[in-house]
Each structure stands twice: as structure tokens, then as C-alpha cells.
Amino acid sequence: SAINGLPILSRSRPNLDDWYRDNIQGGAGSFTIAANGFEDVGRALEQKLRRELTDPSTDIPSTAVPEPTTILGILLAGGGLACLKRRQRSI
């Protein structure tokens, strides 16, 4: 997973974006987009969200989840094997 940065630059902290890149931003595909003051936050936030939602390098790998019918099949097969094993013991 990635940690992306959205620093708000000001006169007192004109290089805050560099600090974010060095100390906050991390992970594969991570990035920092700076806002030039509070009046620019909307633009920077929109750009950051667009990039997070459309950039394939920031995708979270998906994990395959078995369908309920697959789980049911596995349970039935396991139950059937248990019955066969029990039957063989009694013979």
C-alpha cells in the first residue's frame, strides 16, 4: 500500500513538500502533490484523488475470494470423505 502526501505550502514552510517526500510519502507508487496555500487545496485534492483513482500503479492488489458455491462444494466433499472414512473403519 502507498502513503501519499498533500502538503499545504505557505510562506513560513515553502519546502514542506520536500519534507513530506522524505518523511511521510512511502510505498510503491506513492506520490506527493503540494497545494500552494489554502486557496489551492481544492485543486491539489482533486488532482490527488484523480491520480489515486485512475493510476494503475496505486492499485491495491486484490485477493481472490471463493464463491459461496465453491465453499459449499468443499464442505460437502469433506463431509463425504469423512463418512467414507468412518464407514471403512466399521467394516
PDB file of N, CA and C in Angstrom:
ATOM      1  N   SER A   1       0.841  -1.184   0.000  1.00  0.00           N
ATOM      2  CA  SER A   1       0.000   0.000   0.000  1.00  0.00           C
ATOM      3  C   SER A   1       0.879   1.238   0.000  1.00  0.00           C
ATOM      4  N   ALA A   2       0.293   2.352  -0.369  1.00  0.00           N
ATOM      5  CA  ALA A   2       1.040   3.598  -0.509  1.00  0.00           C
ATOM      6  C   ALA A   2       0.497   4.657   0.437  1.00  0.00           C
ATOM      7  N   ILE A   3       1.388   5.530   0.887  1.00  0.00           N
ATOM      8  CA  ILE A   3       1.004   6.705   1.662  1.00  0.00           C
ATOM      9  C   ILE A   3       1.344   7.907   0.799  1.00  0.00           C
ATOM     10  N   ASN A   4       0.319   8.637   0.388  1.00  0.00           N
ATOM     11  CA  ASN A   4       0.502   9.808  -0.463  1.00  0.00           C
ATOM     12  C   ASN A   4       0.427  11.072   0.379  1.00  0.00           C
ATOM     13  N   GLY A   5       1.087  12.135  -0.102  1.00  0.00           N
ATOM     14  CA  GLY A   5       1.127  13.381   0.646  1.00  0.00           C
ATOM     15  C   GLY A   5       0.384  14.508  -0.037  1.00  0.00           C
ATOM     16  N   LEU A   6      -0.200  15.395   0.777  1.00  0.00           N
ATOM     17  CA  LEU A   6      -0.872  16.594   0.286  1.00  0.00           C
ATOM     18  C   LEU A   6      -0.504  17.759   1.208  1.00  0.00           C
ATOM     19  N   PRO A   7       0.752  18.217   1.143  1.00  0.00           N
ATOM     20  CA  PRO A   7       1.160  19.331   1.996  1.00  0.00           C
ATOM     21  C   PRO A   7       0.596  20.658   1.486  1.00  0.00           C
ATOM     22  N   ILE A   8       0.339  21.568   2.420  1.00  0.00           N
ATOM     23  CA  ILE A   8      -0.130  22.909   2.073  1.00  0.00           C
ATOM     24  C   ILE A   8       1.041  23.859   2.307  1.00  0.00           C
ATOM     25  N   LEU A   9       1.601  24.367   1.212  1.00  0.00           N
ATOM     26  CA  LEU A   9       2.765  25.245   1.296  1.00  0.00           C
ATOM     27  C   LEU A   9       2.340  26.636   1.767  1.00  0.00           C
ATOM     28  N   SER A  10       3.241  27.282   2.495  1.00  0.00           N
ATOM     29  CA  SER A  10       2.998  28.645   2.974  1.00  0.00           C
ATOM     30  C   SER A  10       4.317  29.407   2.974  1.00  0.00           C
ATOM     31  N   ARG A  11       4.244  30.687   3.271  1.00  0.00           N
ATOM     32  CA  ARG A  11       5.487  31.485   3.332  1.00  0.00           C
ATOM     33  C   ARG A  11       6.421  30.950   4.402  1.00  0.00           C
ATOM     34  N   SER A  12       5.854  30.508   5.520  1.00  0.00           N
ATOM     35  CA  SER A  12       6.704  30.013   6.609  1.00  0.00           C
ATOM     36  C   SER A  12       7.226  28.596   6.347  1.00  0.00           C
ATOM     37  N   ARG A  13       6.580  27.861   5.441  1.00  0.00           N
ATOM     38  CA  ARG A  13       7.014  26.494   5.104  1.00  0.00           C
ATOM     39  C   ARG A  13       6.941  26.271   3.592  1.00  0.00           C
ATOM     40  N   PRO A  14       7.796  26.972   2.841  1.00  0.00           N
ATOM     41  CA  PRO A  14       7.739  26.850   1.381  1.00  0.00           C
ATOM     42  C   PRO A  14       8.252  25.507   0.850  1.00  0.00           C
ATOM     43  N   ASN A  15       9.010  24.774   1.663  1.00  0.00           N
ATOM     44  CA  ASN A  15       9.577  23.487   1.226  1.00  0.00           C
ATOM     45  C   ASN A  15       8.948  22.299   1.950  1.00  0.00           C
ATOM     46  N   LEU A  16       7.735  22.479   2.428  1.00  0.00           N
ATOM     47  CA  LEU A  16       7.068  21.407   3.159  1.00  0.00           C
ATOM     48  C   LEU A  16       6.874  20.166   2.290  1.00  0.00           C
ATOM     49  N   ASP A  17       6.724  20.355   0.985  1.00  0.00           N
ATOM     50  CA  ASP A  17       6.561  19.206   0.085  1.00  0.00           C
ATOM     51  C   ASP A  17       7.804  18.319   0.082  1.00  0.00           C
ATOM     52  N   ASP A  18       8.991  18.918   0.187  1.00  0.00           N
ATOM     53  CA  ASP A  18      10.223  18.117   0.274  1.00  0.00           C
ATOM     54  C   ASP A  18      10.225  17.278   1.550  1.00  0.00           C
ATOM     55  N   TRP A  19       9.792  17.890   2.666  1.00  0.00           N
ATOM     56  CA  TRP A  19       9.732  17.169   3.935  1.00  0.00           C
ATOM     57  C   TRP A  19       8.740  16.012   3.833  1.00  0.00           C
ATOM     58  N   TYR A  20       7.597  16.243   3.210  1.00  0.00           N
ATOM     59  CA  TYR A  20       6.607  15.175   3.013  1.00  0.00           C
ATOM     60  C   TYR A  20       7.208  14.021   2.217  1.00  0.00           C
ATOM     61  N   ARG A  21       7.908  14.323   1.117  1.00  0.00           N
ATOM     62  CA  ARG A  21       8.508  13.266   0.297  1.00  0.00           C
ATOM     63  C   ARG A  21       9.509  12.438   1.101  1.00  0.00           C
ATOM     64  N   ASP A  22      10.257  13.122   1.980  1.00  0.00           N
ATOM     65  CA  ASP A  22      11.293  12.439   2.753  1.00  0.00           C
ATOM     66  C   ASP A  22      10.756  11.709   3.983  1.00  0.00           C
ATOM     67  N   ASN A  23       9.645  12.184   4.563  1.00  0.00           N
ATOM     68  CA  ASN A  23       9.203  11.666   5.857  1.00  0.00           C
ATOM     69  C   ASN A  23       7.801  11.061   5.903  1.00  0.00           C
ATOM     70  N   ILE A  24       6.947  11.399   4.976  1.00  0.00           N
ATOM     71  CA  ILE A  24       5.563  10.911   5.003  1.00  0.00           C
ATOM     72  C   ILE A  24       5.305   9.925   3.870  1.00  0.00           C
ATOM     73  N   GLN A  25       5.578  10.351   2.657  1.00  0.00           N
ATOM     74  CA  GLN A  25       5.308   9.548   1.461  1.00  0.00           C
ATOM     75  C   GLN A  25       6.047   8.223   1.538  1.00  0.00           C
ATOM     76  N   GLY A  26       5.366   7.144   1.148  1.00  0.00           N
ATOM     77  CA  GLY A  26       6.038   5.850   1.158  1.00  0.00           C
ATOM     78  C   GLY A  26       5.228   4.778   0.463  1.00  0.00           C
ATOM     79  N   GLY A  27       5.905   3.740   0.043  1.00  0.00           N
ATOM     80  CA  GLY A  27       5.255   2.610  -0.609  1.00  0.00           C
ATOM     81  C   GLY A  27       5.318   2.715  -2.114  1.00  0.00           C
ATOM     82  N   ALA A  28       5.061   1.596  -2.759  1.00  0.00           N
ATOM     83  CA  ALA A  28       5.103   1.535  -4.222  1.00  0.00           C
ATOM     84  C   ALA A  28       4.037   2.440  -4.824  1.00  0.00           C
ATOM     85  N   GLY A  29       4.435   3.255  -5.781  1.00  0.00           N
ATOM     86  CA  GLY A  29       3.500   4.129  -6.475  1.00  0.00           C
ATOM     87  C   GLY A  29       3.072   5.352  -5.689  1.00  0.00           C
ATOM     88  N   SER A  30       3.703   5.622  -4.556  1.00  0.00           N
ATOM     89  CA  SER A  30       3.303   6.773  -3.742  1.00  0.00           C
ATOM     90  C   SER A  30       3.763   8.079  -4.380  1.00  0.00           C
ATOM     91  N   PHE A  31       3.106   9.177  -3.992  1.00  0.00           N
ATOM     92  CA  PHE A  31       3.433  10.486  -4.551  1.00  0.00           C
ATOM     93  C   PHE A  31       2.998  11.582  -3.588  1.00  0.00           C
ATOM     94  N   THR A  32       3.490  12.792  -3.847  1.00  0.00           N
ATOM     95  CA  THR A  32       3.108  13.973  -3.080  1.00  0.00           C
ATOM     96  C   THR A  32       2.671  15.048  -4.055  1.00  0.00           C
ATOM     97  N   ILE A  33       1.525  15.655  -3.787  1.00  0.00           N
ATOM     98  CA  ILE A  33       1.038  16.786  -4.580  1.00  0.00           C
ATOM     99  C   ILE A  33       0.847  17.942  -3.615  1.00  0.00           C
ATOM    100  N   ALA A  34       1.551  19.038  -3.859  1.00  0.00           N
ATOM    101  CA  ALA A  34       1.506  20.188  -2.959  1.00  0.00           C
ATOM    102  C   ALA A  34       0.428  21.177  -3.372  1.00  0.00           C
ATOM    103  N   ALA A  35      -0.194  21.790  -2.350  1.00  0.00           N
ATOM    104  CA  ALA A  35      -1.132  22.891  -2.564  1.00  0.00           C
ATOM    105  C   ALA A  35      -0.380  24.178  -2.252  1.00  0.00           C
ATOM    106  N   ASN A  36      -0.476  25.157  -3.134  1.00  0.00           N
ATOM    107  CA  ASN A  36       0.195  26.446  -2.930  1.00  0.00           C
ATOM    108  C   ASN A  36      -0.712  27.353  -2.110  1.00  0.00           C
ATOM    109  N   GLY A  37      -0.789  27.084  -0.809  1.00  0.00           N
ATOM    110  CA  GLY A  37      -1.648  27.835   0.095  1.00  0.00           C
ATOM    111  C   GLY A  37      -3.016  27.189   0.217  1.00  0.00           C
ATOM    112  N   PHE A  38      -3.800  27.693   1.183  1.00  0.00           N
ATOM    113  CA  PHE A  38      -5.117  27.115   1.439  1.00  0.00           C
ATOM    114  C   PHE A  38      -6.079  27.323   0.278  1.00  0.00           C
ATOM    115  N   GLU A  39      -5.899  28.405  -0.476  1.00  0.00           N
ATOM    116  CA  GLU A  39      -6.781  28.666  -1.613  1.00  0.00           C
ATOM    117  C   GLU A  39      -6.583  27.649  -2.740  1.00  0.00           C
ATOM    118  N   ASP A  40      -5.495  26.893  -2.705  1.00  0.00           N
ATOM    119  CA  ASP A  40      -5.178  25.916  -3.751  1.00  0.00           C
ATOM    120  C   ASP A  40      -5.481  24.473  -3.326  1.00  0.00           C
ATOM    121  N   VAL A  41      -6.002  24.285  -2.125  1.00  0.00           N
ATOM    122  CA  VAL A  41      -6.237  22.934  -1.607  1.00  0.00           C
ATOM    123  C   VAL A  41      -7.233  22.170  -2.478  1.00  0.00           C
ATOM    124  N   GLY A  42      -8.283  22.822  -2.937  1.00  0.00           N
ATOM    125  CA  GLY A  42      -9.289  22.151  -3.765  1.00  0.00           C
ATOM    126  C   GLY A  42      -8.691  21.554  -5.021  1.00  0.00           C
ATOM    127  N   ARG A  43      -7.872  22.337  -5.718  1.00  0.00           N
ATOM    128  CA  ARG A  43      -7.234  21.854  -6.943  1.00  0.00           C
ATOM    129  C   ARG A  43      -6.302  20.690  -6.650  1.00  0.00           C
ATOM    130  N   ALA A  44      -5.466  20.839  -5.616  1.00  0.00           N
ATOM    131  CA  ALA A  44      -4.497  19.795  -5.274  1.00  0.00           C
ATOM    132  C   ALA A  44      -5.201  18.514  -4.821  1.00  0.00           C
ATOM    133  N   LEU A  45      -6.268  18.662  -4.048  1.00  0.00           N
ATOM    134  CA  LEU A  45      -7.005  17.494  -3.580  1.00  0.00           C
ATOM    135  C   LEU A  45      -7.672  16.768  -4.746  1.00  0.00           C
ATOM    136  N   GLU A  46      -8.254  17.532  -5.673  1.00  0.00           N
ATOM    137  CA  GLU A  46      -8.871  16.913  -6.850  1.00  0.00           C
ATOM    138  C   GLU A  46      -7.832  16.166  -7.682  1.00  0.00           C
ATOM    139  N   GLN A  47      -6.664  16.783  -7.869  1.00  0.00           N
ATOM    140  CA  GLN A  47      -5.594  16.144  -8.641  1.00  0.00           C
ATOM    141  C   GLN A  47      -5.121  14.868  -7.946  1.00  0.00           C
ATOM    142  N   LYS A  48      -4.975  14.931  -6.617  1.00  0.00           N
ATOM    143  CA  LYS A  48      -4.530  13.767  -5.842  1.00  0.00           C
ATOM    144  C   LYS A  48      -5.547  12.631  -5.946  1.00  0.00           C
ATOM    145  N   LEU A  49      -6.828  12.946  -5.780  1.00  0.00           N
ATOM    146  CA  LEU A  49      -7.859  11.910  -5.859  1.00  0.00           C
ATOM    147  C   LEU A  49      -7.947  11.297  -7.247  1.00  0.00           C
ATOM    148  N   ARG A  50      -7.858  12.143  -8.281  1.00  0.00           N
ATOM    149  CA  ARG A  50      -7.889  11.611  -9.652  1.00  0.00           C
ATOM    150  C   ARG A  50      -6.737  10.632  -9.873  1.00  0.00           C
ATOM    151  N   ARG A  51      -5.570  11.013  -9.398  1.00  0.00           N
ATOM    152  CA  ARG A  51      -4.405  10.147  -9.588  1.00  0.00           C
ATOM    153  C   ARG A  51      -4.553   8.847  -8.802  1.00  0.00           C
ATOM    154  N   GLU A  52      -5.047   8.939  -7.570  1.00  0.00           N
ATOM    155  CA  GLU A  52      -5.216   7.733  -6.757  1.00  0.00           C
ATOM    156  C   GLU A  52      -6.259   6.788  -7.354  1.00  0.00           C
ATOM    157  N   LEU A  53      -7.287   7.353  -7.975  1.00  0.00           N
ATOM    158  CA  LEU A  53      -8.370   6.522  -8.501  1.00  0.00           C
ATOM    159  C   LEU A  53      -8.126   6.012  -9.913  1.00  0.00           C
ATOM    160  N   THR A  54      -7.230   6.661 -10.671  1.00  0.00           N
ATOM    161  CA  THR A  54      -7.027   6.258 -12.058  1.00  0.00           C
ATOM    162  C   THR A  54      -5.647   5.697 -12.361  1.00  0.00           C
ATOM    163  N   ASP A  55      -4.662   5.936 -11.508  1.00  0.00           N
ATOM    164  CA  ASP A  55      -3.299   5.473 -11.770  1.00  0.00           C
ATOM    165  C   ASP A  55      -3.182   3.994 -11.410  1.00  0.00           C
ATOM    166  N   PRO A  56      -2.916   3.123 -12.391  1.00  0.00           N
ATOM    167  CA  PRO A  56      -2.831   1.688 -12.098  1.00  0.00           C
ATOM    168  C   PRO A  56      -1.702   1.321 -11.148  1.00  0.00           C
ATOM    169  N   SER A  57      -0.674   2.160 -11.027  1.00  0.00           N
ATOM    170  CA  SER A  57       0.439   1.822 -10.135  1.00  0.00           C
ATOM    171  C   SER A  57       0.044   1.963  -8.673  1.00  0.00           C
ATOM    172  N   THR A  58      -1.088   2.628  -8.381  1.00  0.00           N
ATOM    173  CA  THR A  58      -1.527   2.769  -6.998  1.00  0.00           C
ATOM    174  C   THR A  58      -2.598   1.764  -6.631  1.00  0.00           C
ATOM    175  N   ASP A  59      -2.912   0.831  -7.550  1.00  0.00           N
ATOM    176  CA  ASP A  59      -3.936  -0.174  -7.268  1.00  0.00           C
ATOM    177  C   ASP A  59      -3.499  -1.083  -6.130  1.00  0.00           C
ATOM    178  N   ILE A  60      -4.455  -1.420  -5.312  1.00  0.00           N
ATOM    179  CA  ILE A  60      -4.214  -2.375  -4.241  1.00  0.00           C
ATOM    180  C   ILE A  60      -4.440  -3.766  -4.827  1.00  0.00           C
ATOM    181  N   PRO A  61      -3.466  -4.661  -4.665  1.00  0.00           N
ATOM    182  CA  PRO A  61      -3.655  -5.998  -5.223  1.00  0.00           C
ATOM    183  C   PRO A  61      -4.895  -6.660  -4.625  1.00  0.00           C
ATOM    184  N   SER A  62      -5.701  -7.252  -5.474  1.00  0.00           N
ATOM    185  CA  SER A  62      -6.911  -7.900  -4.982  1.00  0.00           C
ATOM    186  C   SER A  62      -6.615  -9.345  -4.616  1.00  0.00           C
ATOM    187  N   THR A  63      -7.352  -9.836  -3.663  1.00  0.00           N
ATOM    188  CA  THR A  63      -7.225 -11.214  -3.232  1.00  0.00           C
ATOM    189  C   THR A  63      -8.465 -11.956  -3.696  1.00  0.00           C
ATOM    190  N   ALA A  64      -8.267 -13.087  -4.329  1.00  0.00           N
ATOM    191  CA  ALA A  64      -9.402 -13.867  -4.822  1.00  0.00           C
ATOM    192  C   ALA A  64     -10.215 -14.396  -3.649  1.00  0.00           C
ATOM    193  N   VAL A  65     -11.518 -14.253  -3.744  1.00  0.00           N
ATOM    194  CA  VAL A  65     -12.425 -14.744  -2.714  1.00  0.00           C
ATOM    195  C   VAL A  65     -13.296 -15.824  -3.351  1.00  0.00           C
ATOM    196  N   PRO A  66     -13.303 -17.029  -2.785  1.00  0.00           N
ATOM    197  CA  PRO A  66     -14.104 -18.087  -3.388  1.00  0.00           C
ATOM    198  C   PRO A  66     -15.598 -17.775  -3.309  1.00  0.00           C
ATOM    199  N   GLU A  67     -16.326 -18.210  -4.314  1.00  0.00           N
ATOM    200  CA  GLU A  67     -17.773 -18.026  -4.326  1.00  0.00           C
ATOM    201  C   GLU A  67     -18.406 -18.944  -3.290  1.00  0.00           C
ATOM    202  N   PRO A  68     -19.592 -18.591  -2.788  1.00  0.00           N
ATOM    203  CA  PRO A  68     -20.255 -19.447  -1.791  1.00  0.00           C
ATOM    204  C   PRO A  68     -20.470 -20.877  -2.276  1.00  0.00           C
ATOM    205  N   THR A  69     -20.749 -21.054  -3.568  1.00  0.00           N
ATOM    206  CA  THR A  69     -20.954 -22.421  -4.072  1.00  0.00           C
ATOM    207  C   THR A  69     -19.673 -23.231  -4.004  1.00  0.00           C
ATOM    208  N   THR A  70     -18.533 -22.579  -4.190  1.00  0.00           N
ATOM    209  CA  THR A  70     -17.247 -23.268  -4.080  1.00  0.00           C
ATOM    210  C   THR A  70     -17.028 -23.730  -2.648  1.00  0.00           C
ATOM    211  N   ILE A  71     -17.317 -22.848  -1.704  1.00  0.00           N
ATOM    212  CA  ILE A  71     -17.159 -23.195  -0.287  1.00  0.00           C
ATOM    213  C   ILE A  71     -18.095 -24.350   0.070  1.00  0.00           C
ATOM    214  N   LEU A  72     -19.343 -24.282  -0.406  1.00  0.00           N
ATOM    215  CA  LEU A  72     -20.306 -25.349  -0.139  1.00  0.00           C
ATOM    216  C   LEU A  72     -19.809 -26.678  -0.711  1.00  0.00           C
ATOM    217  N   GLY A  73     -19.271 -26.656  -1.925  1.00  0.00           N
ATOM    218  CA  GLY A  73     -18.733 -27.866  -2.543  1.00  0.00           C
ATOM    219  C   GLY A  73     -17.600 -28.461  -1.734  1.00  0.00           C
ATOM    220  N   ILE A  74     -16.726 -27.611  -1.241  1.00  0.00           N
ATOM    221  CA  ILE A  74     -15.602 -28.091  -0.430  1.00  0.00           C
ATOM    222  C   ILE A  74     -16.115 -28.732   0.855  1.00  0.00           C
ATOM    223  N   LEU A  75     -17.099 -28.086   1.494  1.00  0.00           N
ATOM    224  CA  LEU A  75     -17.657 -28.642   2.729  1.00  0.00           C
ATOM    225  C   LEU A  75     -18.344 -29.988   2.480  1.00  0.00           C
ATOM    226  N   LEU A  76     -19.115 -30.076   1.397  1.00  0.00           N
ATOM    227  CA  LEU A  76     -19.789 -31.339   1.076  1.00  0.00           C
ATOM    228  C   LEU A  76     -18.787 -32.442   0.763  1.00  0.00           C
ATOM    229  N   ALA A  77     -17.749 -32.117   0.019  1.00  0.00           N
ATOM    230  CA  ALA A  77     -16.715 -33.108  -0.304  1.00  0.00           C
ATOM    231  C   ALA A  77     -16.020 -33.577   0.967  1.00  0.00           C
ATOM    232  N   GLY A  78     -15.716 -32.643   1.853  1.00  0.00           N
ATOM    233  CA  GLY A  78     -15.075 -33.006   3.121  1.00  0.00           C
ATOM    234  C   GLY A  78     -15.970 -33.890   3.968  1.00  0.00           C
ATOM    235  N   GLY A  79     -17.264 -33.557   4.004  1.00  0.00           N
ATOM    236  CA  GLY A  79     -18.214 -34.380   4.757  1.00  0.00           C
ATOM    237  C   GLY A  79     -18.335 -35.770   4.165  1.00  0.00           C
ATOM    238  N   GLY A  80     -18.361 -35.854   2.826  1.00  0.00           N
ATOM    239  CA  GLY A  80     -18.435 -37.153   2.156  1.00  0.00           C
ATOM    240  C   GLY A  80     -17.218 -38.007   2.451  1.00  0.00           C
ATOM    241  N   LEU A  81     -16.041 -37.395   2.434  1.00  0.00           N
ATOM    242  CA  LEU A  81     -14.810 -38.141   2.737  1.00  0.00           C
ATOM    243  C   LEU A  81     -14.807 -38.628   4.176  1.00  0.00           C
ATOM    244  N   ALA A  82     -15.306 -37.800   5.077  1.00  0.00           N
ATOM    245  CA  ALA A  82     -15.370 -38.201   6.483  1.00  0.00           C
ATOM    246  C   ALA A  82     -16.306 -39.396   6.654  1.00  0.00           C
ATOM    247  N   CYS A  83     -17.447 -39.378   5.956  1.00  0.00           N
ATOM    248  CA  CYS A  83     -18.389 -40.514   6.023  1.00  0.00           C
ATOM    249  C   CYS A  83     -17.754 -41.789   5.475  1.00  0.00           C
ATOM    250  N   LEU A  84     -17.043 -41.698   4.346  1.00  0.00           N
ATOM    251  CA  LEU A  84     -16.377 -42.867   3.767  1.00  0.00           C
ATOM    252  C   LEU A  84     -15.329 -43.431   4.719  1.00  0.00           C
ATOM    253  N   LYS A  85     -14.586 -42.555   5.350  1.00  0.00           N
ATOM    254  CA  LYS A  85     -13.540 -42.996   6.274  1.00  0.00           C
ATOM    255  C   LYS A  85     -14.172 -43.708   7.468  1.00  0.00           C
ATOM    256  N   ARG A  86     -15.260 -43.163   7.974  1.00  0.00           N
ATOM    257  CA  ARG A  86     -15.952 -43.769   9.101  1.00  0.00           C
ATOM    258  C   ARG A  86     -16.521 -45.137   8.715  1.00  0.00           C
ATOM    259  N   ARG A  87     -17.047 -45.210   7.508  1.00  0.00           N
ATOM    260  CA  ARG A  87     -17.630 -46.467   7.022  1.00  0.00           C
ATOM    261  C   ARG A  87     -16.544 -47.537   6.873  1.00  0.00           C
ATOM    262  N   GLN A  88     -15.367 -47.137   6.386  1.00  0.00           N
ATOM    263  CA  GLN A  88     -14.271 -48.098   6.216  1.00  0.00           C
ATOM    264  C   GLN A  88     -13.807 -48.629   7.565  1.00  0.00           C
ATOM    265  N   ARG A  89     -13.833 -47.792   8.590  1.00  0.00           N
ATOM    266  CA  ARG A  89     -13.416 -48.244   9.924  1.00  0.00           C
ATOM    267  C   ARG A  89     -14.387 -49.285  10.482  1.00  0.00           C
ATOM    268  N   SER A  90     -15.661 -49.123  10.168  1.00  0.00           N
ATOM    269  CA  SER A  90     -16.663 -50.044  10.722  1.00  0.00           C
ATOM    270  C   SER A  90     -16.697 -51.385   9.990  1.00  0.00           C
ATOM    271  N   ILE A  91     -16.091 -51.462   8.809  1.00  0.00           N
ATOM    272  CA  ILE A  91     -16.103 -52.717   8.031  1.00  0.00           C
ATOM    273  C   ILE A  91     -14.999 -53.619   8.485  1.00  0.00           C
TER     274      ILE A  91
END
